[in-house]
Each structure stands twice: as structure tokens, then as C-alpha cells.
């Protein structure tokens, strides 16, 4: 952080030094702000939960389709052998 401070102060000395102080303070506040980290973490957790739900529903649908296919085949087989 000290190196960034030195670089920015050197850059500000060439232009309007009074304007650079406000920008530098805003930049420091941006670098130390962690308020968005919680929102990102909640977003990642929600994304993982959504992925788990989609995977479970996909697995459920595949198994349900296979079950109804077996039932349908058994019904068709029972009706054709009975004739």
C-alpha cells in the first residue's frame, strides 16, 4: 500500500495537487472497503444452491422418465401377450 501511495503522490505532484488529495482519499477508501464482499459471498452461495437444485431435479426427471418407460413397456407387454 505504501508503494501505491508513493506512486500516486508522485503523479499528483505534476498536476493539480489540491484535486489529487480528494481522489487519493476516495481510492484508499475503495481499496479498504469490504462491504461488497458479503454480497458476493451470498451470491456465490445462492449460485451453488441453485446448481444443486437443478442437478437434483435433472436426476429426478431422468429417473421418473425411466420408471414410466418401464411401466409403459410392462403394460404393453402384458396386453400383447394376453391376446
PDB file of N, CA and C in Angstrom:
ATOM      1  N   UNK A   1       0.831  -1.184   0.000  1.00  0.00           N
ATOM      2  CA  UNK A   1       0.000   0.000   0.000  1.00  0.00           C
ATOM      3  C   UNK A   1       0.877   1.250   0.000  1.00  0.00           C
ATOM      4  N   UNK A   2       2.033   1.172   0.630  1.00  0.00           N
ATOM      5  CA  UNK A   2       2.931   2.323   0.692  1.00  0.00           C
ATOM      6  C   UNK A   2       3.480   2.657  -0.684  1.00  0.00           C
ATOM      7  N   UNK A   3       3.774   1.630  -1.510  1.00  0.00           N
ATOM      8  CA  UNK A   3       4.287   1.877  -2.855  1.00  0.00           C
ATOM      9  C   UNK A   3       3.234   2.586  -3.707  1.00  0.00           C
ATOM     10  N   UNK A   4       1.990   2.167  -3.580  1.00  0.00           N
ATOM     11  CA  UNK A   4       0.903   2.819  -4.323  1.00  0.00           C
ATOM     12  C   UNK A   4       0.762   4.272  -3.878  1.00  0.00           C
ATOM     13  N   UNK A   5       0.947   4.519  -2.592  1.00  0.00           N
ATOM     14  CA  UNK A   5       0.868   5.880  -2.066  1.00  0.00           C
ATOM     15  C   UNK A   5       1.967   6.744  -2.680  1.00  0.00           C
ATOM     16  N   UNK A   6       3.180   6.213  -2.775  1.00  0.00           N
ATOM     17  CA  UNK A   6       4.298   6.961  -3.350  1.00  0.00           C
ATOM     18  C   UNK A   6       4.066   7.247  -4.831  1.00  0.00           C
ATOM     19  N   UNK A   7       3.573   6.241  -5.560  1.00  0.00           N
ATOM     20  CA  UNK A   7       3.340   6.419  -7.000  1.00  0.00           C
ATOM     21  C   UNK A   7       2.272   7.474  -7.240  1.00  0.00           C
ATOM     22  N   UNK A   8       1.183   7.389  -6.493  1.00  0.00           N
ATOM     23  CA  UNK A   8       0.101   8.352  -6.706  1.00  0.00           C
ATOM     24  C   UNK A   8       0.517   9.758  -6.292  1.00  0.00           C
ATOM     25  N   UNK A   9       1.291   9.882  -5.205  1.00  0.00           N
ATOM     26  CA  UNK A   9       1.711  11.229  -4.823  1.00  0.00           C
ATOM     27  C   UNK A   9       2.676  11.816  -5.840  1.00  0.00           C
ATOM     28  N   UNK A  10       3.513  10.981  -6.442  1.00  0.00           N
ATOM     29  CA  UNK A  10       4.424  11.481  -7.480  1.00  0.00           C
ATOM     30  C   UNK A  10       3.627  11.917  -8.703  1.00  0.00           C
ATOM     31  N   UNK A  11       2.608  11.164  -9.072  1.00  0.00           N
ATOM     32  CA  UNK A  11       1.788  11.524 -10.231  1.00  0.00           C
ATOM     33  C   UNK A  11       0.991  12.793  -9.960  1.00  0.00           C
ATOM     34  N   UNK A  12       0.538  12.964  -8.734  1.00  0.00           N
ATOM     35  CA  UNK A  12      -0.273  14.130  -8.397  1.00  0.00           C
ATOM     36  C   UNK A  12       0.563  15.402  -8.309  1.00  0.00           C
ATOM     37  N   UNK A  13       1.838  15.277  -8.089  1.00  0.00           N
ATOM     38  CA  UNK A  13       2.658  16.474  -7.946  1.00  0.00           C
ATOM     39  C   UNK A  13       2.812  17.213  -9.275  1.00  0.00           C
ATOM     40  N   UNK A  14       2.605  16.513 -10.385  1.00  0.00           N
ATOM     41  CA  UNK A  14       2.730  17.157 -11.691  1.00  0.00           C
ATOM     42  C   UNK A  14       1.473  17.941 -12.063  1.00  0.00           C
ATOM     43  N   UNK A  15       0.332  17.500 -11.596  1.00  0.00           N
ATOM     44  CA  UNK A  15      -0.924  18.192 -11.915  1.00  0.00           C
ATOM     45  C   UNK A  15      -1.440  18.861 -10.656  1.00  0.00           C
ATOM     46  N   UNK A  16      -2.642  19.198 -10.610  1.00  0.00           N
ATOM     47  CA  UNK A  16      -3.251  19.939  -9.512  1.00  0.00           C
ATOM     48  C   UNK A  16      -3.196  19.148  -8.203  1.00  0.00           C
ATOM     49  N   UNK A  17      -2.242  19.467  -7.333  1.00  0.00           N
ATOM     50  CA  UNK A  17      -2.113  18.700  -6.099  1.00  0.00           C
ATOM     51  C   UNK A  17      -3.314  18.829  -5.181  1.00  0.00           C
ATOM     52  N   UNK A  18      -4.051  19.921  -5.265  1.00  0.00           N
ATOM     53  CA  UNK A  18      -5.205  20.069  -4.373  1.00  0.00           C
ATOM     54  C   UNK A  18      -6.324  19.126  -4.772  1.00  0.00           C
ATOM     55  N   UNK A  19      -6.457  18.819  -6.054  1.00  0.00           N
ATOM     56  CA  UNK A  19      -7.501  17.905  -6.515  1.00  0.00           C
ATOM     57  C   UNK A  19      -7.138  16.454  -6.236  1.00  0.00           C
ATOM     58  N   UNK A  20      -5.863  16.140  -6.236  1.00  0.00           N
ATOM     59  CA  UNK A  20      -5.421  14.760  -6.057  1.00  0.00           C
ATOM     60  C   UNK A  20      -5.703  14.232  -4.653  1.00  0.00           C
ATOM     61  N   UNK A  21      -5.697  15.076  -3.663  1.00  0.00           N
ATOM     62  CA  UNK A  21      -5.912  14.629  -2.294  1.00  0.00           C
ATOM     63  C   UNK A  21      -7.284  13.973  -2.144  1.00  0.00           C
ATOM     64  N   UNK A  22      -8.312  14.585  -2.699  1.00  0.00           N
ATOM     65  CA  UNK A  22      -9.654  14.017  -2.627  1.00  0.00           C
ATOM     66  C   UNK A  22      -9.755  12.707  -3.382  1.00  0.00           C
ATOM     67  N   UNK A  23      -9.114  12.636  -4.542  1.00  0.00           N
ATOM     68  CA  UNK A  23      -9.130  11.399  -5.322  1.00  0.00           C
ATOM     69  C   UNK A  23      -8.377  10.291  -4.600  1.00  0.00           C
ATOM     70  N   UNK A  24      -7.261  10.640  -4.007  1.00  0.00           N
ATOM     71  CA  UNK A  24      -6.458   9.644  -3.298  1.00  0.00           C
ATOM     72  C   UNK A  24      -7.218   9.087  -2.094  1.00  0.00           C
ATOM     73  N   UNK A  25      -7.907   9.966  -1.376  1.00  0.00           N
ATOM     74  CA  UNK A  25      -8.702   9.509  -0.233  1.00  0.00           C
ATOM     75  C   UNK A  25      -9.817   8.577  -0.701  1.00  0.00           C
ATOM     76  N   UNK A  26     -10.445   8.919  -1.828  1.00  0.00           N
ATOM     77  CA  UNK A  26     -11.502   8.066  -2.369  1.00  0.00           C
ATOM     78  C   UNK A  26     -10.921   6.723  -2.816  1.00  0.00           C
ATOM     79  N   UNK A  27      -9.737   6.722  -3.425  1.00  0.00           N
ATOM     80  CA  UNK A  27      -9.082   5.497  -3.863  1.00  0.00           C
ATOM     81  C   UNK A  27      -8.711   4.618  -2.669  1.00  0.00           C
ATOM     82  N   UNK A  28      -8.190   5.228  -1.600  1.00  0.00           N
ATOM     83  CA  UNK A  28      -7.870   4.479  -0.381  1.00  0.00           C
ATOM     84  C   UNK A  28      -9.124   3.849   0.214  1.00  0.00           C
ATOM     85  N   UNK A  29     -10.216   4.608   0.249  1.00  0.00           N
ATOM     86  CA  UNK A  29     -11.482   4.100   0.781  1.00  0.00           C
ATOM     87  C   UNK A  29     -11.979   2.926  -0.064  1.00  0.00           C
ATOM     88  N   UNK A  30     -11.799   3.015  -1.388  1.00  0.00           N
ATOM     89  CA  UNK A  30     -12.212   1.932  -2.285  1.00  0.00           C
ATOM     90  C   UNK A  30     -11.397   0.667  -2.022  1.00  0.00           C
ATOM     91  N   UNK A  31     -10.093   0.819  -1.817  1.00  0.00           N
ATOM     92  CA  UNK A  31      -9.233  -0.345  -1.592  1.00  0.00           C
ATOM     93  C   UNK A  31      -9.511  -1.033  -0.258  1.00  0.00           C
ATOM     94  N   UNK A  32      -9.916  -0.285   0.730  1.00  0.00           N
ATOM     95  CA  UNK A  32     -10.145  -0.880   2.050  1.00  0.00           C
ATOM     96  C   UNK A  32     -11.602  -1.261   2.291  1.00  0.00           C
ATOM     97  N   UNK A  33     -12.495  -0.930   1.361  1.00  0.00           N
ATOM     98  CA  UNK A  33     -13.918  -1.227   1.534  1.00  0.00           C
ATOM     99  C   UNK A  33     -14.171  -2.716   1.333  1.00  0.00           C
ATOM    100  N   UNK A  34     -14.823  -3.336   2.291  1.00  0.00           N
ATOM    101  CA  UNK A  34     -15.142  -4.759   2.207  1.00  0.00           C
ATOM    102  C   UNK A  34     -16.646  -5.002   2.257  1.00  0.00           C
ATOM    103  N   UNK A  35     -17.441  -3.983   2.059  1.00  0.00           N
ATOM    104  CA  UNK A  35     -18.895  -4.152   2.181  1.00  0.00           C
ATOM    105  C   UNK A  35     -19.460  -5.006   1.056  1.00  0.00           C
ATOM    106  N   UNK A  36     -18.876  -4.993  -0.115  1.00  0.00           N
ATOM    107  CA  UNK A  36     -19.371  -5.804  -1.225  1.00  0.00           C
ATOM    108  C   UNK A  36     -18.994  -7.263  -1.124  1.00  0.00           C
ATOM    109  N   UNK A  37     -18.006  -7.581  -0.295  1.00  0.00           N
ATOM    110  CA  UNK A  37     -17.557  -8.965  -0.177  1.00  0.00           C
ATOM    111  C   UNK A  37     -18.661  -9.865   0.350  1.00  0.00           C
ATOM    112  N   UNK A  38     -19.451  -9.393   1.287  1.00  0.00           N
ATOM    113  CA  UNK A  38     -20.541 -10.199   1.834  1.00  0.00           C
ATOM    114  C   UNK A  38     -21.587 -10.475   0.765  1.00  0.00           C
ATOM    115  N   UNK A  39     -21.920  -9.488  -0.035  1.00  0.00           N
ATOM    116  CA  UNK A  39     -22.904  -9.681  -1.099  1.00  0.00           C
ATOM    117  C   UNK A  39     -22.402 -10.689  -2.122  1.00  0.00           C
ATOM    118  N   UNK A  40     -21.127 -10.630  -2.441  1.00  0.00           N
ATOM    119  CA  UNK A  40     -20.550 -11.585  -3.393  1.00  0.00           C
ATOM    120  C   UNK A  40     -20.583 -12.985  -2.810  1.00  0.00           C
ATOM    121  N   UNK A  41     -20.262 -13.126  -1.543  1.00  0.00           N
ATOM    122  CA  UNK A  41     -20.298 -14.444  -0.906  1.00  0.00           C
ATOM    123  C   UNK A  41     -21.709 -15.017  -0.908  1.00  0.00           C
ATOM    124  N   UNK A  42     -22.706 -14.184  -0.580  1.00  0.00           N
ATOM    125  CA  UNK A  42     -24.086 -14.650  -0.612  1.00  0.00           C
ATOM    126  C   UNK A  42     -24.498 -15.029  -2.031  1.00  0.00           C
ATOM    127  N   UNK A  43     -24.040 -14.282  -3.000  1.00  0.00           N
ATOM    128  CA  UNK A  43     -24.337 -14.603  -4.397  1.00  0.00           C
ATOM    129  C   UNK A  43     -23.744 -15.940  -4.811  1.00  0.00           C
ATOM    130  N   UNK A  44     -22.509 -16.194  -4.392  1.00  0.00           N
ATOM    131  CA  UNK A  44     -21.874 -17.479  -4.701  1.00  0.00           C
ATOM    132  C   UNK A  44     -22.603 -18.633  -4.022  1.00  0.00           C
ATOM    133  N   UNK A  45     -22.999 -18.451  -2.772  1.00  0.00           N
ATOM    134  CA  UNK A  45     -23.734 -19.497  -2.054  1.00  0.00           C
ATOM    135  C   UNK A  45     -25.065 -19.754  -2.749  1.00  0.00           C
ATOM    136  N   UNK A  46     -25.775 -18.700  -3.131  1.00  0.00           N
ATOM    137  CA  UNK A  46     -27.058 -18.862  -3.823  1.00  0.00           C
ATOM    138  C   UNK A  46     -26.858 -19.576  -5.157  1.00  0.00           C
ATOM    139  N   UNK A  47     -25.783 -19.258  -5.855  1.00  0.00           N
ATOM    140  CA  UNK A  47     -25.481 -19.923  -7.124  1.00  0.00           C
ATOM    141  C   UNK A  47     -25.220 -21.407  -6.940  1.00  0.00           C
ATOM    142  N   UNK A  48     -24.480 -21.753  -5.906  1.00  0.00           N
ATOM    143  CA  UNK A  48     -24.200 -23.170  -5.641  1.00  0.00           C
ATOM    144  C   UNK A  48     -25.466 -23.923  -5.232  1.00  0.00           C
ATOM    145  N   UNK A  49     -26.318 -23.283  -4.444  1.00  0.00           N
ATOM    146  CA  UNK A  49     -27.587 -23.917  -4.072  1.00  0.00           C
ATOM    147  C   UNK A  49     -28.450 -24.115  -5.313  1.00  0.00           C
ATOM    148  N   UNK A  50     -28.507 -23.117  -6.194  1.00  0.00           N
ATOM    149  CA  UNK A  50     -29.270 -23.236  -7.429  1.00  0.00           C
ATOM    150  C   UNK A  50     -28.732 -24.377  -8.282  1.00  0.00           C
ATOM    151  N   UNK A  51     -27.420 -24.496  -8.389  1.00  0.00           N
ATOM    152  CA  UNK A  51     -26.809 -25.578  -9.165  1.00  0.00           C
ATOM    153  C   UNK A  51     -27.159 -26.938  -8.577  1.00  0.00           C
ATOM    154  N   UNK A  52     -27.159 -27.059  -7.262  1.00  0.00           N
ATOM    155  CA  UNK A  52     -27.522 -28.321  -6.617  1.00  0.00           C
ATOM    156  C   UNK A  52     -28.986 -28.669  -6.880  1.00  0.00           C
ATOM    157  N   UNK A  53     -29.861 -27.667  -6.841  1.00  0.00           N
ATOM    158  CA  UNK A  53     -31.281 -27.908  -7.099  1.00  0.00           C
ATOM    159  C   UNK A  53     -31.498 -28.344  -8.545  1.00  0.00           C
ATOM    160  N   UNK A  54     -30.858 -27.669  -9.476  1.00  0.00           N
ATOM    161  CA  UNK A  54     -31.006 -28.032 -10.890  1.00  0.00           C
ATOM    162  C   UNK A  54     -30.499 -29.454 -11.136  1.00  0.00           C
ATOM    163  N   UNK A  55     -29.375 -29.809 -10.525  1.00  0.00           N
ATOM    164  CA  UNK A  55     -28.834 -31.162 -10.678  1.00  0.00           C
ATOM    165  C   UNK A  55     -29.790 -32.197 -10.094  1.00  0.00           C
ATOM    166  N   UNK A  56     -30.338 -31.926  -8.926  1.00  0.00           N
ATOM    167  CA  UNK A  56     -31.266 -32.868  -8.296  1.00  0.00           C
ATOM    168  C   UNK A  56     -32.536 -33.021  -9.123  1.00  0.00           C
ATOM    169  N   UNK A  57     -33.075 -31.928  -9.657  1.00  0.00           N
ATOM    170  CA  UNK A  57     -34.291 -32.000 -10.468  1.00  0.00           C
ATOM    171  C   UNK A  57     -34.016 -32.767 -11.758  1.00  0.00           C
ATOM    172  N   UNK A  58     -32.873 -32.522 -12.370  1.00  0.00           N
ATOM    173  CA  UNK A  58     -32.498 -33.239 -13.594  1.00  0.00           C
ATOM    174  C   UNK A  58     -32.404 -34.739 -13.320  1.00  0.00           C
ATOM    175  N   UNK A  59     -31.756 -35.117 -12.227  1.00  0.00           N
ATOM    176  CA  UNK A  59     -31.633 -36.529 -11.845  1.00  0.00           C
ATOM    177  C   UNK A  59     -33.007 -37.127 -11.576  1.00  0.00           C
ATOM    178  N   UNK A  60     -33.874 -36.399 -10.895  1.00  0.00           N
ATOM    179  CA  UNK A  60     -35.223 -36.867 -10.593  1.00  0.00           C
ATOM    180  C   UNK A  60     -36.028 -37.086 -11.880  1.00  0.00           C
ATOM    181  N   UNK A  61     -35.937 -36.148 -12.816  1.00  0.00           N
ATOM    182  CA  UNK A  61     -36.680 -36.259 -14.075  1.00  0.00           C
ATOM    183  C   UNK A  61     -36.208 -37.462 -14.875  1.00  0.00           C
ATOM    184  N   UNK A  62     -34.885 -37.668 -14.948  1.00  0.00           N
ATOM    185  CA  UNK A  62     -34.364 -38.830 -15.686  1.00  0.00           C
ATOM    186  C   UNK A  62     -34.875 -40.132 -15.080  1.00  0.00           C
ATOM    187  N   UNK A  63     -34.844 -40.243 -13.757  1.00  0.00           N
ATOM    188  CA  UNK A  63     -35.312 -41.464 -13.105  1.00  0.00           C
ATOM    189  C   UNK A  63     -36.820 -41.653 -13.262  1.00  0.00           C
ATOM    190  N   UNK A  64     -37.568 -40.570 -13.208  1.00  0.00           N
ATOM    191  CA  UNK A  64     -39.015 -40.664 -13.370  1.00  0.00           C
ATOM    192  C   UNK A  64     -39.372 -41.084 -14.796  1.00  0.00           C
ATOM    193  N   UNK A  65     -38.697 -40.528 -15.784  1.00  0.00           N
ATOM    194  CA  UNK A  65     -38.937 -40.929 -17.172  1.00  0.00           C
ATOM    195  C   UNK A  65     -38.621 -42.407 -17.374  1.00  0.00           C
ATOM    196  N   UNK A  66     -37.513 -42.860 -16.809  1.00  0.00           N
ATOM    197  CA  UNK A  66     -37.142 -44.275 -16.940  1.00  0.00           C
ATOM    198  C   UNK A  66     -38.180 -45.162 -16.262  1.00  0.00           C
ATOM    199  N   UNK A  67     -38.683 -44.753 -15.108  1.00  0.00           N
ATOM    200  CA  UNK A  67     -39.689 -45.539 -14.396  1.00  0.00           C
ATOM    201  C   UNK A  67     -40.969 -45.644 -15.223  1.00  0.00           C
ATOM    202  N   UNK A  68     -41.459 -44.536 -15.774  1.00  0.00           N
ATOM    203  CA  UNK A  68     -42.676 -44.572 -16.578  1.00  0.00           C
ATOM    204  C   UNK A  68     -42.471 -45.354 -17.872  1.00  0.00           C
ATOM    205  N   UNK A  69     -41.275 -45.311 -18.414  1.00  0.00           N
ATOM    206  CA  UNK A  69     -40.977 -46.105 -19.605  1.00  0.00           C
ATOM    207  C   UNK A  69     -41.061 -47.599 -19.286  1.00  0.00           C
ATOM    208  N   UNK A  70     -40.494 -48.011 -18.142  1.00  0.00           N
ATOM    209  CA  UNK A  70     -40.583 -49.419 -17.734  1.00  0.00           C
ATOM    210  C   UNK A  70     -42.031 -49.821 -17.483  1.00  0.00           C
ATOM    211  N   UNK A  71     -42.796 -48.947 -16.832  1.00  0.00           N
ATOM    212  CA  UNK A  71     -44.210 -49.248 -16.577  1.00  0.00           C
ATOM    213  C   UNK A  71     -44.962 -49.362 -17.899  1.00  0.00           C
ATOM    214  N   UNK A  72     -44.741 -48.436 -18.812  1.00  0.00           N
ATOM    215  CA  UNK A  72     -45.399 -48.480 -20.122  1.00  0.00           C
ATOM    216  C   UNK A  72     -45.043 -49.736 -20.894  1.00  0.00           C
ATOM    217  N   UNK A  73     -43.757 -50.099 -20.880  1.00  0.00           N
ATOM    218  CA  UNK A  73     -43.333 -51.323 -21.564  1.00  0.00           C
ATOM    219  C   UNK A  73     -43.983 -52.551 -20.940  1.00  0.00           C
ATOM    220  N   UNK A  74     -44.099 -52.571 -19.610  1.00  0.00           N
ATOM    221  CA  UNK A  74     -44.727 -53.710 -18.937  1.00  0.00           C
ATOM    222  C   UNK A  74     -46.200 -53.799 -19.280  1.00  0.00           C
ATOM    223  N   UNK A  75     -46.887 -52.663 -19.346  1.00  0.00           N
ATOM    224  CA  UNK A  75     -48.316 -52.657 -19.684  1.00  0.00           C
ATOM    225  C   UNK A  75     -48.513 -53.127 -21.127  1.00  0.00           C
ATOM    226  N   UNK A  76     -47.694 -52.610 -22.039  1.00  0.00           N
ATOM    227  CA  UNK A  76     -47.790 -53.017 -23.443  1.00  0.00           C
ATOM    228  C   UNK A  76     -47.471 -54.514 -23.574  1.00  0.00           C
ATOM    229  N   UNK A  77     -46.435 -54.958 -22.867  1.00  0.00           N
ATOM    230  CA  UNK A  77     -46.082 -56.385 -22.919  1.00  0.00           C
ATOM    231  C   UNK A  77     -47.177 -57.275 -22.359  1.00  0.00           C
ATOM    232  N   UNK A  78     -47.839 -56.819 -21.297  1.00  0.00           N
ATOM    233  CA  UNK A  78     -48.903 -57.618 -20.685  1.00  0.00           C
ATOM    234  C   UNK A  78     -50.130 -57.679 -21.579  1.00  0.00           C
ATOM    235  N   UNK A  79     -50.433 -56.606 -22.279  1.00  0.00           N
ATOM    236  CA  UNK A  79     -51.620 -56.604 -23.138  1.00  0.00           C
ATOM    237  C   UNK A  79     -51.388 -57.356 -24.426  1.00  0.00           C
ATOM    238  N   UNK A  80     -50.188 -57.358 -24.964  1.00  0.00           N
ATOM    239  CA  UNK A  80     -49.936 -58.076 -26.220  1.00  0.00           C
ATOM    240  C   UNK A  80     -49.779 -59.571 -25.989  1.00  0.00           C
ATOM    241  N   UNK A  81     -49.260 -60.002 -24.846  1.00  0.00           N
ATOM    242  CA  UNK A  81     -49.104 -61.424 -24.566  1.00  0.00           C
ATOM    243  C   UNK A  81     -50.428 -62.050 -24.170  1.00  0.00           C
ATOM    244  N   UNK A  82     -51.357 -61.259 -23.693  1.00  0.00           N
ATOM    245  CA  UNK A  82     -52.640 -61.773 -23.247  1.00  0.00           C
ATOM    246  C   UNK A  82     -53.592 -62.062 -24.403  1.00  0.00           C
ATOM    247  N   UNK A  83     -53.303 -61.579 -25.608  1.00  0.00           N
ATOM    248  CA  UNK A  83     -54.227 -61.760 -26.728  1.00  0.00           C
ATOM    249  C   UNK A  83     -54.043 -63.064 -27.428  1.00  0.00           C
TER     250      UNK A  83
END
